Amino acid sequence: DRSRVGLKLRLGVDNPSDLRFPACTIGGQIFMDSGKGFHPLGRVAFSRSVALEPARRTPVDAEIWFTYDELRGVWDDLLPVVEGRREAAWRLEGEAGIEVLGVHVTVPVHSQFRSGK
């Protein structure tokens, strides 16, 4: 089936450096582990360009799209996490297009965090 579900999120993106990075594109594959290993869930894409301010967290609007097949395989593990009844680890593997001193550079993005109880 070609059905898709999209979620709009507001995320905090940390820039630990002391340089301001204008990010043109950020996106990648998001994974979830609720105790049975990491499952791919879908792709996340930031919906607009954003300037990542130095040494701070910048709020960024993002969209995550899931296909029916992606959700069908992980629904039983995903539902208790979304409802707050189970902890999970989340991982993002992707890339960002940023400008460094006026030069466009594509860099890998790797992020992981825990949520839940």
Protein backbone atom coordinates (compact mmCIF):
# COMPACT_ATOMS: atom_id res chain seq x y z
CA ASP A 1 0.00 0.00 0.00
CA ARG A 2 1.22 3.55 -0.76
CA SER A 3 -0.44 5.19 2.25
CA ARG A 4 1.72 7.52 4.33
CA VAL A 5 1.34 9.13 7.74
CA GLY A 6 3.09 12.40 8.53
CA LEU A 7 3.83 13.98 11.90
CA LYS A 8 4.91 17.58 12.46
CA LEU A 9 7.33 18.05 15.35
CA ARG A 10 9.27 20.86 16.98
CA LEU A 11 12.75 19.63 17.89
CA GLY A 12 15.69 21.25 19.64
CA VAL A 13 18.93 21.06 17.62
CA ASP A 14 22.12 21.67 19.59
CA ASN A 15 25.12 23.44 18.10
CA PRO A 16 27.97 22.97 20.60
CA SER A 17 30.46 24.96 18.51
CA ASP A 18 31.12 28.67 18.76
CA LEU A 19 30.20 29.21 15.08
CA ARG A 20 26.79 30.02 13.60
CA PHE A 21 25.81 27.42 10.98
CA PRO A 22 23.11 28.26 8.42
CA ALA A 23 21.60 24.82 7.70
CA CYS A 24 19.91 24.55 4.31
CA THR A 25 18.88 20.91 4.65
CA ILE A 26 18.76 18.40 7.49
CA GLY A 27 17.23 14.96 7.25
CA GLY A 28 17.68 11.26 7.53
CA GLN A 29 16.33 7.92 8.69
CA ILE A 30 14.89 7.66 12.22
CA PHE A 31 15.12 4.42 14.22
CA MET A 32 13.53 3.28 17.50
CA ASP A 33 14.62 0.61 20.00
CA SER A 34 12.11 -0.37 22.68
CA GLY A 35 14.18 -3.32 23.88
CA LYS A 36 14.22 -5.56 20.81
CA GLY A 37 16.86 -3.80 18.69
CA PHE A 38 16.62 -0.74 16.47
CA HIS A 39 13.75 -0.67 13.96
CA PRO A 40 13.71 1.80 11.05
CA LEU A 41 10.61 3.98 11.36
CA GLY A 42 10.78 6.48 8.54
CA ARG A 43 12.47 9.60 7.26
CA VAL A 44 12.64 12.95 8.99
CA ALA A 45 13.08 16.18 7.03
CA PHE A 46 13.30 19.69 8.39
CA SER A 47 10.75 21.85 6.63
CA ARG A 48 12.76 25.08 6.34
CA SER A 49 16.27 26.45 6.43
CA VAL A 50 17.45 27.36 9.90
CA ALA A 51 20.44 29.12 11.43
CA LEU A 52 21.97 26.96 14.17
CA GLU A 53 23.12 29.55 16.67
CA PRO A 54 26.46 29.00 18.46
CA ALA A 55 26.52 27.26 21.85
CA ARG A 56 22.75 26.92 22.12
CA ARG A 57 19.71 24.85 21.20
CA THR A 58 17.68 26.10 18.24
CA PRO A 59 14.00 25.07 17.84
CA VAL A 60 13.43 23.51 14.42
CA ASP A 61 10.19 22.36 12.80
CA ALA A 62 10.42 18.87 11.34
CA GLU A 63 8.21 16.41 9.52
CA ILE A 64 8.45 12.63 9.88
CA TRP A 65 6.81 10.49 7.22
CA PHE A 66 5.95 6.84 7.71
CA THR A 67 4.76 4.43 5.05
CA TYR A 68 2.15 1.83 5.90
CA ASP A 69 4.78 -0.92 5.58
CA GLU A 70 7.17 0.90 7.96
CA LEU A 71 4.47 1.28 10.63
CA ARG A 72 2.96 -2.17 10.22
CA GLY A 73 6.22 -3.88 11.19
CA VAL A 74 6.79 -1.85 14.39
CA TRP A 75 3.29 -0.80 15.49
CA ASP A 76 3.14 -3.16 18.49
CA ASP A 77 6.47 -1.78 19.78
CA LEU A 78 5.75 1.85 18.85
CA LEU A 79 2.30 2.27 20.42
CA PRO A 80 3.31 1.77 24.11
CA VAL A 81 6.26 4.16 23.58
CA VAL A 82 4.05 6.88 22.07
CA GLU A 83 1.53 6.40 24.90
CA GLY A 84 4.34 6.80 27.49
CA ARG A 85 4.04 3.27 28.89
CA ARG A 86 7.49 2.13 27.73
CA GLU A 87 10.95 3.68 27.36
CA ALA A 88 12.72 3.74 24.03
CA ALA A 89 15.98 4.80 22.44
CA TRP A 90 15.76 6.89 19.27
CA ARG A 91 18.48 7.27 16.65
CA LEU A 92 18.80 9.58 13.65
CA GLU A 93 21.21 8.75 10.82
CA GLY A 94 21.34 11.36 8.10
CA GLU A 95 23.09 14.41 6.78
CA ALA A 96 22.92 18.17 6.88
CA GLY A 97 23.78 20.76 4.26
CA ILE A 98 25.36 23.75 6.02
CA GLU A 99 27.36 26.81 5.07
CA VAL A 100 30.75 27.19 6.69
CA LEU A 101 32.47 30.51 5.97
CA GLY A 102 30.37 30.86 2.80
CA VAL A 103 31.06 27.34 1.48
CA HIS A 104 28.24 24.76 1.24
CA VAL A 105 29.27 21.53 2.99
CA THR A 106 27.36 18.28 3.52
CA VAL A 107 28.11 16.64 6.87
CA PRO A 108 26.85 13.41 8.45
CA VAL A 109 24.37 13.67 11.31
CA HIS A 110 24.25 11.02 14.02
CA SER A 111 22.05 11.52 17.05
CA GLN A 112 20.62 9.30 19.76
CA PHE A 113 18.42 9.94 22.81
CA ARG A 114 16.12 8.11 25.24
CA SER A 115 12.48 8.82 26.00
CA GLY A 116 9.72 7.31 28.08
CA LYS A 117 8.99 6.69 31.71
